[in-house]
Amino acid sequence: MYTEKVMDHFSNPRNVGEIENPNGVGEVGNASCGDIMKIYLKVEDNIIKDVKFKTFGCGAAIATSSMVTELAIGKTIDEALVLTNQAVAEALDGLPPAKMHCSNLAADALHEAIKDYKAKNS
């Protein structure tokens, strides 16, 4: 059902936790499935230097959260804003159709954190 990459990011999630004094925080949830994601950003010179996440949800939600942090680190804010839900799923070599809504949450949480960063720095 799940790819090797999904299982790896679920079993060994990267960048779990919180960032003290983050530059941006984004939180999203899907009430129908119970998944909740919170993403923390540390930005320097418009580049995402660190990303951490806390996720309450299924294995796919944890895997997509882990993957989106890996995809975002080192990118500029504008580069990270174009990361799509589909890109997260593709980076994991796919998700079962019933779990695609979980990948949507990871990109959405990142975008919310960037929105928060921009609001604080405008």
Protein backbone atom coordinates (compact mmCIF):
# COMPACT_ATOMS: atom_id res chain seq x y z
CA MET A 1 0.00 0.00 0.00
CA TYR A 2 2.77 2.48 0.93
CA THR A 3 6.04 3.05 -0.93
CA GLU A 4 9.43 2.44 0.67
CA LYS A 5 9.98 6.20 0.94
CA VAL A 6 6.67 6.71 2.74
CA MET A 7 7.53 3.93 5.19
CA ASP A 8 11.03 5.36 5.72
CA HIS A 9 9.74 8.89 6.46
CA PHE A 10 7.03 7.44 8.73
CA SER A 11 9.44 5.18 10.64
CA ASN A 12 12.30 7.72 10.71
CA PRO A 13 10.71 11.16 10.36
CA ARG A 14 13.11 14.03 9.73
CA ASN A 15 12.98 17.43 11.43
CA VAL A 16 10.48 16.57 14.15
CA GLY A 17 9.96 19.12 16.91
CA GLU A 18 9.63 22.85 17.44
CA ILE A 19 11.90 25.78 16.65
CA GLU A 20 12.44 28.23 19.49
CA ASN A 21 11.49 31.75 18.37
CA PRO A 22 10.41 30.72 14.86
CA ASN A 23 10.07 33.29 12.08
CA GLY A 24 6.85 31.66 10.90
CA VAL A 25 4.37 29.04 12.12
CA GLY A 26 1.64 27.36 10.12
CA GLU A 27 -1.03 25.00 11.36
CA VAL A 28 -3.61 23.11 9.36
CA GLY A 29 -5.99 20.30 10.11
CA ASN A 30 -8.47 18.01 8.49
CA ALA A 31 -11.33 17.35 10.88
CA SER A 32 -12.73 14.45 8.83
CA CYS A 33 -9.58 12.34 9.22
CA GLY A 34 -8.14 13.91 12.38
CA ASP A 35 -4.77 14.90 10.91
CA ILE A 36 -3.24 18.10 12.34
CA MET A 37 0.11 19.54 11.25
CA LYS A 38 2.13 22.40 12.63
CA ILE A 39 5.23 23.66 10.78
CA TYR A 40 7.87 26.00 12.22
CA LEU A 41 10.29 28.04 10.07
CA LYS A 42 13.63 29.67 10.72
CA VAL A 43 14.42 32.07 7.87
CA GLU A 44 17.64 34.03 7.30
CA ASP A 45 18.22 36.31 4.30
CA ASN A 46 15.00 35.02 2.70
CA ILE A 47 16.30 31.42 2.82
CA ILE A 48 14.67 28.69 4.90
CA LYS A 49 17.49 27.58 7.18
CA ASP A 50 15.46 25.20 9.35
CA VAL A 51 12.02 23.62 9.37
CA LYS A 52 10.51 21.51 12.11
CA PHE A 53 7.09 19.89 12.36
CA LYS A 54 4.67 18.35 14.79
CA THR A 55 1.97 16.14 13.32
CA PHE A 56 -0.90 14.28 14.88
CA GLY A 57 -2.23 11.85 12.33
CA CYS A 58 -1.79 8.77 10.21
CA GLY A 59 1.46 7.41 8.80
CA ALA A 60 0.97 9.25 5.52
CA ALA A 61 0.49 12.55 7.36
CA ILE A 62 3.73 12.03 9.28
CA ALA A 63 5.60 10.99 6.12
CA THR A 64 4.37 13.98 4.11
CA SER A 65 5.26 16.35 6.97
CA SER A 66 8.76 14.90 7.10
CA MET A 67 9.17 15.10 3.33
CA VAL A 68 7.94 18.70 3.04
CA THR A 69 10.55 19.80 5.59
CA GLU A 70 13.26 18.08 3.54
CA LEU A 71 12.02 19.76 0.37
CA ALA A 72 11.83 23.23 1.96
CA ILE A 73 15.19 23.47 3.76
CA GLY A 74 17.65 25.58 1.78
CA LYS A 75 15.02 27.06 -0.53
CA THR A 76 14.12 30.72 -0.74
CA ILE A 77 10.67 31.70 0.50
CA ASP A 78 9.44 32.05 -3.09
CA GLU A 79 10.85 28.65 -4.10
CA ALA A 80 9.17 27.01 -1.10
CA LEU A 81 5.85 28.67 -1.94
CA VAL A 82 5.68 26.79 -5.23
CA LEU A 83 6.02 23.39 -3.55
CA THR A 84 2.74 21.69 -4.29
CA ASN A 85 0.78 18.94 -2.66
CA GLN A 86 1.49 16.82 -5.74
CA ALA A 87 5.25 17.49 -5.46
CA VAL A 88 5.25 16.16 -1.89
CA ALA A 89 3.43 12.99 -2.97
CA GLU A 90 5.78 12.54 -5.95
CA ALA A 91 8.84 12.97 -3.72
CA LEU A 92 7.51 10.05 -1.67
CA ASP A 93 7.05 7.99 -4.87
CA GLY A 94 3.29 8.30 -4.53
CA LEU A 95 0.54 7.86 -1.98
CA PRO A 96 -2.55 5.67 -2.11
CA PRO A 97 -5.49 7.66 -3.56
CA ALA A 98 -7.33 7.51 -0.22
CA LYS A 99 -4.35 9.23 1.47
CA MET A 100 -3.78 12.06 -1.00
CA HIS A 101 -5.54 14.50 1.34
CA CYS A 102 -2.67 13.95 3.81
CA SER A 103 -0.07 15.25 1.35
CA ASN A 104 -2.28 18.29 0.79
CA LEU A 105 -1.95 19.16 4.47
CA ALA A 106 1.87 19.17 4.41
CA ALA A 107 2.17 21.73 1.61
CA ASP A 108 -0.69 23.75 3.09
CA ALA A 109 1.02 23.88 6.50
CA LEU A 110 4.26 25.06 4.87
CA HIS A 111 2.37 27.75 2.94
CA GLU A 112 0.64 28.90 6.14
CA ALA A 113 4.02 29.17 7.91
CA ILE A 114 5.36 31.25 5.00
CA LYS A 115 2.25 33.44 5.12
CA ASP A 116 2.86 33.98 8.84
CA TYR A 117 6.53 34.81 8.15
CA LYS A 118 5.57 37.32 5.47
CA ALA A 119 2.96 38.95 7.74
CA LYS A 120 5.55 39.39 10.49
CA ASN A 121 8.12 40.83 8.07
CA SER A 122 6.11 43.17 5.89
